[in-house]
Amino acid sequence: MRDSSTPVRETVEHHLVSDGFRAAIPALRQSYQQNDFAEIPAFMPDEIFRSTLQELQDLFDGQSRRRDTNIEQSGCTPRRFTTLARDNIANGSSTIPAVFESSALRAALEEIVDEKVLPVPYEPEQYIATRLHEPGDVHGWHWDDYTWALVWIFKMPDENNGGSLEYVKDVPWDPTNPRVKEYVTAGPVTRRHPSAGSAYLLKAGTTLHRVSPLTYAAQRMMVCFSFASVTDLKSKHDHESIQALF
C-alpha cells in the first residue's frame, strides 16, 4: 500500500469532525430517510480532492482495464467503462484507503442512516473506481452486494450528456430473476446529477440504479466505497458481479 501519511489521515479526520461538516448532517439524514439518497457537497477539503484526483488520473493512465460486457445477475444489463480494482488503488493512493478506514466517516454515516455502518468484509469490494469517457459508456442497471455505496465524484459531464445517477428505491434483488425492466417501467425513476467534489450516499443494496449513458466523449470519474449493515454480515454473498468487472 502506498504510504497513507499521518498528515493525510489527520486532515481527513479533522474535516469529518469539523463544525462545518457536522452542521450538514441533519439535512443529510432527512434526505436519506426520505429518498435513500443524500448528496454531501465538498466531501473533502480542496487540497485532498486535488491530490486524490491526480493519484486517480495516474492510476487510470497506467493500471486501468477496459470493460464491455453484460452482467447476467442484473438482467444482462451493460457495463461499458474503464475500471480500477481495489488493490491498484490501495497501492497507488494515499487518501482513498484513509477515507475508507476513517472511524469519523463511519460515525457520520451512522448518524445519517441511523444504524450501524461496517466496512465490508470482502476486500475487492471495499473501494473501486470507474471512468466513463467514451460515447455510449454506461454503468447499467444493477444492485450492490452490500447495503450502502458512498460515491465520491471527481469528474462529471454536463447533465445533458448523461452520466447521471438514476434509481428506483425499495426494490428487492433476486439474481435468478432480477426483473429489471419491470421495476424500471413501474418506477418512479429518480435522477440525480451530483457535482464534482461531492459524494453521495445511496442505499444501494435495495435500490436498483445505474449511471446513464454518455452521448458524447466526456469524463465521469468516481470512487465507490462500500459499507455493510449488521444484516449484511449475516447473509451470504457470491460476489460474481464484482468479480466479473474487477
Protein backbone atom coordinates (compact mmCIF):
# COMPACT_ATOMS: atom_id res chain seq x y z
CA MET A 1 0.00 0.00 0.00
CA ARG A 2 1.14 3.49 -0.78
CA ASP A 3 2.09 5.32 2.41
CA SER A 4 -1.03 6.88 3.92
CA SER A 5 0.86 9.58 5.73
CA THR A 6 -0.22 10.81 9.12
CA PRO A 7 -0.92 14.34 7.79
CA VAL A 8 -3.36 12.95 5.20
CA ARG A 9 -5.19 10.85 7.77
CA GLU A 10 -5.29 13.73 10.21
CA THR A 11 -6.67 16.09 7.56
CA VAL A 12 -9.40 13.61 6.63
CA GLU A 13 -10.39 13.01 10.25
CA HIS A 14 -10.29 16.71 11.13
CA HIS A 15 -12.56 17.58 8.21
CA LEU A 16 -15.10 14.88 9.09
CA VAL A 17 -15.46 16.11 12.68
CA SER A 18 -15.36 19.81 11.81
CA ASP A 19 -18.27 22.09 12.69
CA GLY A 20 -18.94 22.73 9.01
CA PHE A 21 -19.24 19.05 8.10
CA ARG A 22 -21.28 18.19 11.17
CA ALA A 23 -23.67 21.07 10.56
CA ALA A 24 -24.78 19.35 7.34
CA ILE A 25 -25.66 16.01 8.96
CA PRO A 26 -29.29 16.79 9.95
CA ALA A 27 -30.17 17.72 6.35
CA LEU A 28 -28.30 14.68 5.02
CA ARG A 29 -30.18 12.44 7.45
CA GLN A 30 -33.51 13.89 6.32
CA SER A 31 -32.62 13.43 2.64
CA TYR A 32 -31.51 9.85 3.20
CA GLN A 33 -34.58 8.92 5.26
CA GLN A 34 -36.88 10.31 2.56
CA ASN A 35 -35.01 9.28 -0.59
CA ASP A 36 -32.46 6.54 0.30
CA PHE A 37 -30.01 9.10 -1.13
CA ALA A 38 -28.02 12.03 0.27
CA GLU A 39 -25.53 14.25 -1.55
CA ILE A 40 -22.61 15.59 0.50
CA PRO A 41 -21.19 18.78 -1.10
CA ALA A 42 -17.45 19.43 -0.70
CA PHE A 43 -16.92 15.93 0.67
CA MET A 44 -13.22 16.58 1.30
CA PRO A 45 -11.07 19.75 1.54
CA ASP A 46 -9.85 21.16 -1.78
CA GLU A 47 -6.24 20.08 -1.27
CA ILE A 48 -7.30 16.48 -0.55
CA PHE A 49 -9.62 16.46 -3.56
CA ARG A 50 -6.91 17.77 -5.90
CA SER A 51 -4.21 15.36 -4.71
CA THR A 52 -6.58 12.38 -4.91
CA LEU A 53 -7.68 13.37 -8.41
CA GLN A 54 -4.04 13.39 -9.52
CA GLU A 55 -3.50 9.95 -7.97
CA LEU A 56 -6.55 8.60 -9.78
CA GLN A 57 -5.55 10.09 -13.13
CA ASP A 58 -2.12 8.47 -12.83
CA LEU A 59 -3.68 5.13 -11.93
CA PHE A 60 -6.21 5.25 -14.77
CA ASP A 61 -3.40 6.10 -17.19
CA GLY A 62 -1.24 3.17 -16.10
CA GLN A 63 -3.26 0.41 -14.43
CA SER A 64 -6.90 0.55 -15.54
CA ARG A 65 -8.80 -2.07 -17.54
CA ARG A 66 -11.46 -1.53 -20.16
CA ARG A 67 -14.76 -3.42 -19.74
CA ASP A 68 -17.51 -4.06 -22.28
CA THR A 69 -19.80 -6.78 -21.00
CA ASN A 70 -23.29 -7.62 -19.79
CA ILE A 71 -23.93 -8.86 -16.25
CA GLU A 72 -26.31 -11.80 -16.03
CA GLN A 73 -27.19 -11.33 -12.35
CA SER A 74 -28.72 -7.92 -13.09
CA GLY A 75 -30.71 -8.92 -16.15
CA CYS A 76 -27.82 -8.80 -18.65
CA THR A 77 -27.53 -5.02 -18.31
CA PRO A 78 -24.41 -3.48 -19.90
CA ARG A 79 -21.13 -2.32 -18.36
CA ARG A 80 -19.04 -0.18 -20.71
CA PHE A 81 -16.36 1.73 -18.83
CA THR A 82 -12.79 1.68 -17.53
CA THR A 83 -12.09 0.25 -14.08
CA LEU A 84 -9.54 0.37 -11.29
CA ALA A 85 -9.52 -2.50 -8.81
CA ARG A 86 -9.24 -2.08 -5.07
CA ASP A 87 -5.63 -3.33 -4.86
CA ASN A 88 -4.45 -0.92 -7.57
CA ILE A 89 -5.98 1.94 -5.61
CA ALA A 90 -4.62 0.72 -2.27
CA ASN A 91 -1.11 0.61 -3.72
CA GLY A 92 -1.36 3.92 -5.57
CA SER A 93 -3.36 6.28 -3.38
CA SER A 94 -2.58 7.76 0.00
CA THR A 95 -6.04 9.24 0.53
CA ILE A 96 -8.65 6.71 -0.59
CA PRO A 97 -7.65 3.97 1.91
CA ALA A 98 -7.54 6.63 4.65
CA VAL A 99 -11.11 7.70 3.82
CA PHE A 100 -12.39 4.13 3.82
CA GLU A 101 -10.71 3.35 7.14
CA SER A 102 -11.84 6.57 8.82
CA SER A 103 -13.73 5.98 12.05
CA ALA A 104 -15.07 9.54 11.83
CA LEU A 105 -16.59 8.77 8.43
CA ARG A 106 -18.39 5.68 9.69
CA ALA A 107 -19.63 7.61 12.72
CA ALA A 108 -21.05 10.32 10.44
CA LEU A 109 -22.68 7.74 8.17
CA GLU A 110 -24.26 6.07 11.19
CA GLU A 111 -25.85 9.38 12.18
CA ILE A 112 -27.23 9.76 8.66
CA VAL A 113 -28.66 6.22 8.25
CA ASP A 114 -29.48 5.65 11.94
CA GLU A 115 -27.93 2.20 12.14
CA LYS A 116 -24.54 0.54 12.45
CA VAL A 117 -22.22 1.02 9.46
CA LEU A 118 -19.42 -1.52 8.98
CA PRO A 119 -16.58 -1.96 6.49
CA VAL A 120 -17.41 -4.69 4.00
CA PRO A 121 -15.55 -7.95 4.73
CA TYR A 122 -14.82 -8.72 1.06
CA GLU A 123 -11.68 -6.70 0.24
CA PRO A 124 -12.14 -6.36 -3.56
CA GLU A 125 -15.42 -4.54 -2.95
CA GLN A 126 -14.20 -2.11 -0.28
CA TYR A 127 -13.44 0.59 -2.81
CA ILE A 128 -13.22 0.63 -6.59
CA ALA A 129 -13.06 3.32 -9.27
CA THR A 130 -14.70 3.67 -12.66
CA ARG A 131 -14.39 6.13 -15.51
CA LEU A 132 -16.96 6.62 -18.25
CA HIS A 133 -15.34 8.54 -21.08
CA GLU A 134 -16.39 7.23 -24.49
CA PRO A 135 -19.73 7.79 -26.29
CA GLY A 136 -22.16 5.09 -25.16
CA ASP A 137 -20.28 4.31 -21.94
CA VAL A 138 -22.77 3.22 -19.29
CA HIS A 139 -22.92 1.54 -15.89
CA GLY A 140 -26.15 -0.37 -16.45
CA TRP A 141 -28.96 -1.13 -14.04
CA HIS A 142 -27.84 -3.13 -11.01
CA TRP A 143 -27.89 -3.57 -7.26
CA ASP A 144 -24.85 -3.68 -4.94
CA ASP A 145 -23.91 -6.67 -2.82
CA TYR A 146 -23.87 -4.60 0.38
CA THR A 147 -26.30 -2.06 1.81
CA TRP A 148 -24.52 1.26 1.22
CA ALA A 149 -22.47 2.86 -1.53
CA LEU A 150 -20.65 6.12 -0.88
CA VAL A 151 -19.64 7.53 -4.26
CA TRP A 152 -17.03 10.31 -4.43
CA ILE A 153 -17.23 12.22 -7.73
CA PHE A 154 -14.03 13.53 -9.34
CA LYS A 155 -15.18 14.40 -12.86
CA MET A 156 -18.72 14.88 -14.14
CA PRO A 157 -20.04 15.64 -17.64
CA ASP A 158 -22.75 18.18 -18.38
CA GLU A 159 -26.15 16.88 -17.35
CA ASN A 160 -27.40 16.83 -20.96
CA ASN A 161 -24.56 14.41 -21.83
CA GLY A 162 -25.57 11.60 -19.46
CA GLY A 163 -23.55 10.34 -16.52
CA SER A 164 -26.46 10.90 -14.14
CA LEU A 165 -27.40 8.58 -11.31
CA GLU A 166 -30.84 7.06 -11.94
CA TYR A 167 -32.53 4.85 -9.38
CA VAL A 168 -35.68 3.07 -8.26
CA LYS A 169 -35.82 2.66 -4.49
CA ASP A 170 -37.27 -0.12 -2.36
CA VAL A 171 -37.00 -2.98 -4.84
CA PRO A 172 -35.53 -6.41 -3.99
CA TRP A 173 -32.72 -8.10 -5.87
CA ASP A 174 -33.19 -11.69 -6.91
CA PRO A 175 -30.13 -12.57 -9.07
CA THR A 176 -32.02 -15.56 -10.51
CA ASN A 177 -34.94 -13.33 -11.61
CA PRO A 178 -33.89 -9.67 -11.44
CA ARG A 179 -36.96 -8.20 -13.25
CA VAL A 180 -35.07 -5.03 -14.14
CA LYS A 181 -37.34 -3.90 -16.99
CA GLU A 182 -40.41 -4.44 -14.82
CA TYR A 183 -39.06 -2.31 -11.99
CA VAL A 184 -37.82 0.48 -14.25
CA THR A 185 -41.13 0.60 -16.13
CA ALA A 186 -43.12 0.73 -12.88
CA GLY A 187 -40.75 3.37 -11.42
CA PRO A 188 -40.68 6.03 -10.30
CA VAL A 189 -37.15 6.58 -11.61
CA THR A 190 -35.32 9.34 -9.72
CA ARG A 191 -32.46 11.16 -11.48
CA ARG A 192 -29.60 12.96 -9.72
CA HIS A 193 -26.59 14.69 -11.25
CA PRO A 194 -24.08 15.29 -8.43
CA SER A 195 -21.26 17.78 -8.79
CA ALA A 196 -17.55 17.01 -8.99
CA GLY A 197 -16.11 17.23 -5.49
CA SER A 198 -19.28 15.98 -3.87
CA ALA A 199 -20.08 12.48 -2.66
CA TYR A 200 -23.43 10.76 -2.49
CA LEU A 201 -24.67 8.07 -0.17
CA LEU A 202 -27.07 5.53 -1.67
CA LYS A 203 -28.90 2.61 -0.09
CA ALA A 204 -27.57 0.52 -2.93
CA GLY A 205 -28.47 -2.98 -1.75
CA THR A 206 -32.22 -2.39 -2.12
CA THR A 207 -32.10 0.34 -4.77
CA LEU A 208 -31.96 -0.55 -8.46
CA HIS A 209 -29.65 2.03 -10.00
CA ARG A 210 -27.48 2.92 -12.96
CA VAL A 211 -25.26 5.64 -14.42
CA SER A 212 -26.96 6.85 -17.61
CA PRO A 213 -25.10 6.51 -20.94
CA LEU A 214 -22.78 9.21 -22.26
CA THR A 215 -23.97 10.73 -25.51
CA TYR A 216 -20.53 12.01 -26.49
CA ALA A 217 -16.94 11.80 -25.23
CA ALA A 218 -16.56 13.29 -21.75
CA GLN A 219 -15.48 12.03 -18.35
CA ARG A 220 -17.35 10.74 -15.34
CA MET A 221 -14.73 9.60 -12.83
CA MET A 222 -15.63 8.31 -9.39
CA VAL A 223 -14.56 6.17 -6.44
CA CYS A 224 -17.17 3.95 -4.81
CA PHE A 225 -16.77 2.91 -1.16
CA SER A 226 -18.97 0.03 0.03
CA PHE A 227 -20.22 -0.35 3.58
CA ALA A 228 -22.17 -3.14 5.22
CA SER A 229 -25.04 -3.40 7.67
CA VAL A 230 -25.17 -5.90 10.52
CA THR A 231 -27.68 -7.89 8.47
CA ASP A 232 -25.27 -8.00 5.52
CA LEU A 233 -22.67 -9.77 7.62
CA LYS A 234 -25.18 -12.49 8.44
CA SER A 235 -26.01 -13.05 4.76
CA LYS A 236 -24.14 -14.97 2.08
CA HIS A 237 -22.81 -13.06 -0.93
CA ASP A 238 -21.38 -14.69 -4.05
CA HIS A 239 -19.66 -11.52 -5.42
CA GLU A 240 -19.97 -12.77 -9.02
CA SER A 241 -20.80 -9.33 -10.43
CA ILE A 242 -17.81 -7.57 -8.89
CA GLN A 243 -15.50 -10.43 -9.87
CA ALA A 244 -16.63 -10.11 -13.49
CA LEU A 245 -15.66 -6.43 -13.56
CA PHE A 246 -12.62 -6.10 -11.32
